[in-house]
Structures are given as C-alpha cells and as structure tokens.
C-alpha cells in the first residue's frame, strides 16, 4: 500500500483532486503530496495505485528470484566442476570417463 500523505502544518491541505501518495521532495528529506490527478478509486494516480504497486513488486521479485537462481546454479556448477577436476587428478581412467561425460553433458567446451 502506498504511503498516504497527510498535512503536518495548519497551512497544508490535502488536494482531493490529486493522488494521495506521499512522495519525496527534491532534497529527498521531506515529503509532499503527489501532483498527479487521482484517477484510480478517486484517490490514487496510476503509478501509486495499490494494484499497480503490487504488480510492480511481483515483477521485481520475479526478476530477483530468477537472478538468485541463476547465480546459485552457476555456483553449484563451478563447485561440481572443481570436484571433478580433483577426481581427475587422482584417477586417470576415471578422468577419461568424466571428461567424456562432461562433453556429453555440455558442461565444458572442448
């Protein structure tokens, strides 16, 4: 849910025609009311509507999850290949079979 701006001083008033979201001012220290017209539920602009914020958050979470999964796979794969390299050093016959298997799996280039 977006942060709903409320006046802090007597001279400030909520503009009912504008979005109710509180946004940072130019200095990044204070807040003011969003200046866009309230079109969603008569209270929020499209950017600050709860549905839009939820959609953007889910989209962002999905991208982060994919990136974390990709990094985890890369880490697991590199650890796997390091183990295979150590095994290869210890056993020559097994090393040949593992090398063949690596190329079959497409894990490393020849």
N, C-alpha and C. Protein backbone atom coordinates (compact mmCIF):
# COMPACT_ATOMS: atom_id res chain seq x y z
N UNK A 1 0.85 -1.18 0.00
CA UNK A 1 0.00 0.00 0.00
C UNK A 1 0.89 1.23 0.00
N UNK A 2 0.59 2.22 -0.82
CA UNK A 2 1.41 3.42 -0.86
C UNK A 2 1.29 4.22 0.43
N UNK A 3 2.31 5.00 0.68
CA UNK A 3 2.33 5.89 1.83
C UNK A 3 1.37 7.04 1.56
N UNK A 4 0.36 7.18 2.41
CA UNK A 4 -0.64 8.25 2.20
C UNK A 4 -0.19 9.52 2.89
N UNK A 5 -0.06 10.58 2.08
CA UNK A 5 0.41 11.86 2.60
C UNK A 5 -0.66 12.51 3.44
N UNK A 6 -0.23 13.05 4.58
CA UNK A 6 -1.14 13.80 5.44
C UNK A 6 -0.46 15.13 5.78
N UNK A 7 -1.21 16.21 5.85
CA UNK A 7 -0.61 17.51 6.16
C UNK A 7 -0.01 17.52 7.57
N UNK A 8 1.12 18.21 7.70
CA UNK A 8 1.77 18.31 9.00
C UNK A 8 1.59 19.69 9.63
N UNK A 9 1.21 20.65 8.82
CA UNK A 9 1.08 22.02 9.31
C UNK A 9 -0.33 22.53 9.01
N UNK A 10 -0.72 23.56 9.71
CA UNK A 10 -2.07 24.13 9.53
C UNK A 10 -2.28 24.68 8.14
N UNK A 11 -1.23 25.22 7.51
CA UNK A 11 -1.40 25.83 6.19
C UNK A 11 -1.44 24.79 5.06
N UNK A 12 -1.11 23.54 5.35
CA UNK A 12 -1.14 22.49 4.34
C UNK A 12 -2.52 21.83 4.31
N UNK A 13 -2.99 21.54 3.12
CA UNK A 13 -4.28 20.85 2.98
C UNK A 13 -4.14 19.76 1.93
N UNK A 14 -4.89 18.68 2.08
CA UNK A 14 -4.90 17.61 1.08
C UNK A 14 -5.73 18.09 -0.10
N UNK A 15 -5.15 18.03 -1.28
CA UNK A 15 -5.87 18.38 -2.51
C UNK A 15 -6.62 17.12 -2.94
N UNK A 16 -7.94 17.14 -2.84
CA UNK A 16 -8.77 15.97 -3.11
C UNK A 16 -8.73 15.54 -4.58
N UNK A 17 -8.31 16.43 -5.48
CA UNK A 17 -8.26 16.08 -6.91
C UNK A 17 -6.94 15.40 -7.28
N UNK A 18 -5.98 15.42 -6.38
CA UNK A 18 -4.65 14.86 -6.65
C UNK A 18 -4.48 13.51 -5.94
N UNK A 19 -3.49 12.77 -6.41
CA UNK A 19 -3.14 11.49 -5.80
C UNK A 19 -2.76 11.72 -4.34
N UNK A 20 -3.14 10.81 -3.46
CA UNK A 20 -2.90 10.96 -2.03
C UNK A 20 -1.53 10.44 -1.59
N UNK A 21 -0.74 9.91 -2.51
CA UNK A 21 0.56 9.34 -2.13
C UNK A 21 1.52 10.43 -1.68
N UNK A 22 2.29 10.11 -0.65
CA UNK A 22 3.35 11.00 -0.21
C UNK A 22 4.62 10.66 -0.97
N UNK A 23 5.25 11.65 -1.57
CA UNK A 23 6.47 11.43 -2.35
C UNK A 23 7.57 12.34 -1.81
N UNK A 24 8.83 11.90 -1.99
CA UNK A 24 9.96 12.72 -1.53
C UNK A 24 10.02 14.04 -2.28
N UNK A 25 10.44 15.06 -1.57
CA UNK A 25 10.66 16.34 -2.24
C UNK A 25 12.02 16.32 -2.94
N UNK A 26 12.41 17.42 -3.54
CA UNK A 26 13.64 17.49 -4.34
C UNK A 26 14.89 17.19 -3.51
N UNK A 27 14.87 17.51 -2.22
CA UNK A 27 16.04 17.27 -1.38
C UNK A 27 16.11 15.83 -0.91
N UNK A 28 14.98 15.11 -0.98
CA UNK A 28 14.95 13.73 -0.53
C UNK A 28 14.77 13.60 0.97
N UNK A 29 14.53 14.72 1.64
CA UNK A 29 14.39 14.71 3.09
C UNK A 29 12.92 14.76 3.50
N UNK A 30 12.17 15.65 2.88
CA UNK A 30 10.77 15.84 3.23
C UNK A 30 9.84 15.14 2.26
N UNK A 31 8.54 15.27 2.51
CA UNK A 31 7.52 14.68 1.66
C UNK A 31 6.52 15.74 1.24
N UNK A 32 5.87 15.49 0.13
CA UNK A 32 4.76 16.32 -0.30
C UNK A 32 3.76 15.41 -1.01
N UNK A 33 2.58 15.93 -1.29
CA UNK A 33 1.55 15.16 -1.96
C UNK A 33 1.91 15.00 -3.44
N UNK A 34 1.68 13.81 -3.99
CA UNK A 34 1.91 13.57 -5.42
C UNK A 34 1.09 14.58 -6.22
N UNK A 35 1.64 15.07 -7.31
CA UNK A 35 0.96 16.12 -8.09
C UNK A 35 0.09 15.59 -9.22
N UNK A 36 0.06 14.26 -9.41
CA UNK A 36 -0.76 13.71 -10.50
C UNK A 36 -2.24 13.67 -10.11
N UNK A 37 -3.10 13.65 -11.12
CA UNK A 37 -4.54 13.57 -10.88
C UNK A 37 -4.90 12.20 -10.32
N UNK A 38 -5.84 12.19 -9.38
CA UNK A 38 -6.32 10.94 -8.79
C UNK A 38 -7.32 10.31 -9.76
N UNK A 39 -6.94 9.18 -10.36
CA UNK A 39 -7.81 8.52 -11.34
C UNK A 39 -8.28 7.15 -10.89
N UNK A 40 -7.52 6.50 -10.02
CA UNK A 40 -7.86 5.15 -9.55
C UNK A 40 -8.57 5.28 -8.21
N UNK A 41 -9.81 4.85 -8.14
CA UNK A 41 -10.64 4.93 -6.92
C UNK A 41 -10.79 6.36 -6.42
N UNK A 42 -10.54 7.34 -7.25
CA UNK A 42 -10.64 8.73 -6.84
C UNK A 42 -9.63 9.12 -5.78
N UNK A 43 -8.61 8.28 -5.59
CA UNK A 43 -7.66 8.52 -4.51
C UNK A 43 -6.20 8.43 -4.96
N UNK A 44 -5.93 7.63 -5.98
CA UNK A 44 -4.54 7.37 -6.39
C UNK A 44 -4.35 7.63 -7.88
N UNK A 45 -3.12 8.00 -8.24
CA UNK A 45 -2.77 8.05 -9.66
C UNK A 45 -2.42 6.61 -10.07
N UNK A 46 -2.20 6.39 -11.37
CA UNK A 46 -1.92 5.04 -11.83
C UNK A 46 -0.65 4.48 -11.18
N UNK A 47 0.38 5.30 -11.07
CA UNK A 47 1.66 4.83 -10.52
C UNK A 47 1.54 4.40 -9.06
N UNK A 48 0.78 5.11 -8.27
CA UNK A 48 0.71 4.84 -6.84
C UNK A 48 -0.49 3.99 -6.43
N UNK A 49 -1.29 3.53 -7.38
CA UNK A 49 -2.44 2.70 -7.01
C UNK A 49 -1.93 1.39 -6.38
N UNK A 50 -2.61 0.88 -5.37
CA UNK A 50 -2.17 -0.34 -4.71
C UNK A 50 -2.01 -1.52 -5.68
N UNK A 51 -2.90 -1.63 -6.67
CA UNK A 51 -2.81 -2.74 -7.63
C UNK A 51 -1.54 -2.63 -8.47
N UNK A 52 -1.23 -1.40 -8.91
CA UNK A 52 -0.04 -1.19 -9.74
C UNK A 52 1.24 -1.41 -8.93
N UNK A 53 1.25 -0.95 -7.68
CA UNK A 53 2.43 -1.17 -6.84
C UNK A 53 2.62 -2.66 -6.58
N UNK A 54 1.53 -3.39 -6.37
CA UNK A 54 1.62 -4.83 -6.15
C UNK A 54 2.17 -5.52 -7.41
N UNK A 55 1.66 -5.12 -8.58
CA UNK A 55 2.12 -5.72 -9.84
C UNK A 55 3.61 -5.46 -10.04
N UNK A 56 4.05 -4.22 -9.81
CA UNK A 56 5.47 -3.89 -9.98
C UNK A 56 6.34 -4.65 -8.98
N UNK A 57 5.87 -4.79 -7.76
CA UNK A 57 6.63 -5.52 -6.73
C UNK A 57 6.76 -6.99 -7.11
N UNK A 58 5.66 -7.59 -7.59
CA UNK A 58 5.72 -9.00 -8.00
C UNK A 58 6.66 -9.20 -9.19
N UNK A 59 6.63 -8.25 -10.13
CA UNK A 59 7.52 -8.31 -11.29
C UNK A 59 8.98 -8.22 -10.85
N UNK A 60 9.25 -7.31 -9.94
CA UNK A 60 10.61 -7.13 -9.43
C UNK A 60 11.06 -8.36 -8.66
N UNK A 61 10.18 -8.90 -7.81
CA UNK A 61 10.52 -10.11 -7.05
C UNK A 61 10.83 -11.27 -7.98
N UNK A 62 10.06 -11.39 -9.05
CA UNK A 62 10.28 -12.48 -10.01
C UNK A 62 11.66 -12.34 -10.66
N UNK A 63 12.03 -11.11 -11.06
CA UNK A 63 13.35 -10.89 -11.66
C UNK A 63 14.46 -11.23 -10.67
N UNK A 64 14.30 -10.80 -9.40
CA UNK A 64 15.31 -11.09 -8.39
C UNK A 64 15.41 -12.60 -8.14
N UNK A 65 14.28 -13.29 -8.09
CA UNK A 65 14.29 -14.75 -7.89
C UNK A 65 15.03 -15.44 -9.02
N UNK A 66 14.77 -15.01 -10.26
CA UNK A 66 15.46 -15.61 -11.41
C UNK A 66 16.96 -15.36 -11.34
N UNK A 67 17.34 -14.14 -10.95
CA UNK A 67 18.76 -13.82 -10.85
C UNK A 67 19.43 -14.65 -9.75
N UNK A 68 18.76 -14.78 -8.59
CA UNK A 68 19.32 -15.59 -7.50
C UNK A 68 19.45 -17.05 -7.92
N UNK A 69 18.46 -17.59 -8.62
CA UNK A 69 18.52 -18.97 -9.09
C UNK A 69 19.67 -19.16 -10.06
N UNK A 70 19.84 -18.20 -10.96
CA UNK A 70 20.92 -18.29 -11.94
C UNK A 70 22.29 -18.26 -11.24
N UNK A 71 22.44 -17.39 -10.25
CA UNK A 71 23.70 -17.31 -9.51
C UNK A 71 23.94 -18.60 -8.71
N UNK A 72 22.89 -19.15 -8.14
CA UNK A 72 23.03 -20.39 -7.37
C UNK A 72 23.44 -21.54 -8.29
N UNK A 73 22.82 -21.61 -9.48
CA UNK A 73 23.20 -22.66 -10.43
C UNK A 73 24.65 -22.52 -10.85
N UNK A 74 25.08 -21.29 -11.10
CA UNK A 74 26.47 -21.05 -11.51
C UNK A 74 27.42 -21.48 -10.40
N UNK A 75 27.08 -21.17 -9.18
CA UNK A 75 27.93 -21.56 -8.04
C UNK A 75 27.98 -23.07 -7.90
N UNK A 76 26.82 -23.72 -7.98
CA UNK A 76 26.79 -25.19 -7.86
C UNK A 76 27.57 -25.83 -8.99
N UNK A 77 27.39 -25.31 -10.22
CA UNK A 77 28.09 -25.89 -11.37
C UNK A 77 29.60 -25.74 -11.23
N UNK A 78 30.06 -24.56 -10.83
CA UNK A 78 31.50 -24.37 -10.72
C UNK A 78 32.07 -25.25 -9.62
N UNK A 79 31.34 -25.43 -8.51
CA UNK A 79 31.81 -26.32 -7.44
C UNK A 79 31.86 -27.76 -7.94
N UNK A 80 30.87 -28.16 -8.72
CA UNK A 80 30.84 -29.51 -9.28
C UNK A 80 32.05 -29.76 -10.17
N UNK A 81 32.36 -28.78 -11.03
CA UNK A 81 33.50 -28.97 -11.94
C UNK A 81 34.81 -28.97 -11.19
N UNK A 82 34.91 -28.24 -10.09
CA UNK A 82 36.13 -28.28 -9.28
C UNK A 82 36.32 -29.65 -8.65
N UNK A 83 35.24 -30.26 -8.19
CA UNK A 83 35.32 -31.62 -7.63
C UNK A 83 35.77 -32.60 -8.71
N UNK A 84 35.19 -32.49 -9.89
CA UNK A 84 35.57 -33.39 -10.98
C UNK A 84 37.04 -33.21 -11.33
N UNK A 85 37.53 -31.98 -11.33
CA UNK A 85 38.95 -31.74 -11.63
C UNK A 85 39.85 -32.42 -10.60
N UNK A 86 39.45 -32.39 -9.34
CA UNK A 86 40.25 -33.05 -8.29
C UNK A 86 40.22 -34.57 -8.47
N UNK A 87 39.06 -35.11 -8.82
CA UNK A 87 38.95 -36.56 -9.04
C UNK A 87 39.82 -36.97 -10.23
N UNK A 88 39.83 -36.15 -11.25
CA UNK A 88 40.63 -36.44 -12.44
C UNK A 88 42.11 -36.55 -12.10
N UNK A 89 42.57 -35.71 -11.19
CA UNK A 89 43.98 -35.74 -10.79
C UNK A 89 44.32 -37.05 -10.08
N UNK A 90 43.35 -37.60 -9.38
CA UNK A 90 43.60 -38.80 -8.58
C UNK A 90 43.51 -40.09 -9.39
N UNK A 91 42.66 -40.17 -10.39
CA UNK A 91 42.42 -41.43 -11.11
C UNK A 91 42.36 -41.16 -12.61
N UNK A 92 43.37 -41.66 -13.35
CA UNK A 92 43.49 -41.38 -14.77
C UNK A 92 42.34 -41.99 -15.59
N UNK A 93 41.98 -43.25 -15.31
CA UNK A 93 40.91 -43.92 -16.06
C UNK A 93 39.57 -43.22 -15.82
N UNK A 94 39.31 -42.91 -14.56
CA UNK A 94 38.08 -42.21 -14.21
C UNK A 94 38.07 -40.81 -14.84
N UNK A 95 39.24 -40.19 -14.91
CA UNK A 95 39.36 -38.86 -15.50
C UNK A 95 38.91 -38.88 -16.96
N UNK A 96 39.30 -39.90 -17.70
CA UNK A 96 38.91 -40.00 -19.11
C UNK A 96 37.40 -40.14 -19.24
N UNK A 97 36.81 -40.98 -18.38
CA UNK A 97 35.35 -41.16 -18.44
C UNK A 97 34.61 -39.88 -18.05
N UNK A 98 35.12 -39.19 -17.03
CA UNK A 98 34.49 -37.94 -16.60
C UNK A 98 34.60 -36.85 -17.67
N UNK A 99 35.75 -36.80 -18.33
CA UNK A 99 35.94 -35.82 -19.39
C UNK A 99 34.94 -36.06 -20.52
N UNK A 100 34.79 -37.33 -20.89
CA UNK A 100 33.83 -37.68 -21.93
C UNK A 100 32.42 -37.29 -21.50
N UNK A 101 32.09 -37.59 -20.26
CA UNK A 101 30.77 -37.25 -19.73
C UNK A 101 30.54 -35.74 -19.72
N UNK A 102 31.58 -34.98 -19.35
CA UNK A 102 31.46 -33.52 -19.34
C UNK A 102 31.08 -33.00 -20.72
N UNK A 103 31.73 -33.50 -21.74
CA UNK A 103 31.45 -33.02 -23.09
C UNK A 103 30.06 -33.45 -23.55
N UNK A 104 29.64 -34.65 -23.14
CA UNK A 104 28.31 -35.12 -23.49
C UNK A 104 27.23 -34.24 -22.84
N UNK A 105 27.48 -33.84 -21.59
CA UNK A 105 26.53 -33.01 -20.87
C UNK A 105 26.58 -31.55 -21.31
N UNK A 106 27.64 -31.20 -22.03
CA UNK A 106 27.76 -29.82 -22.49
C UNK A 106 28.21 -28.88 -21.41
N UNK A 107 28.81 -29.40 -20.37
CA UNK A 107 29.23 -28.56 -19.26
C UNK A 107 30.46 -27.74 -19.55
N UNK A 108 31.34 -28.27 -20.38
CA UNK A 108 32.55 -27.54 -20.73
C UNK A 108 32.81 -27.69 -22.21
N UNK A 109 33.50 -26.69 -22.72
CA UNK A 109 33.83 -26.74 -24.15
C UNK A 109 35.12 -27.49 -24.35
N UNK A 110 35.26 -28.13 -25.50
CA UNK A 110 36.49 -28.89 -25.77
C UNK A 110 37.62 -27.98 -26.14
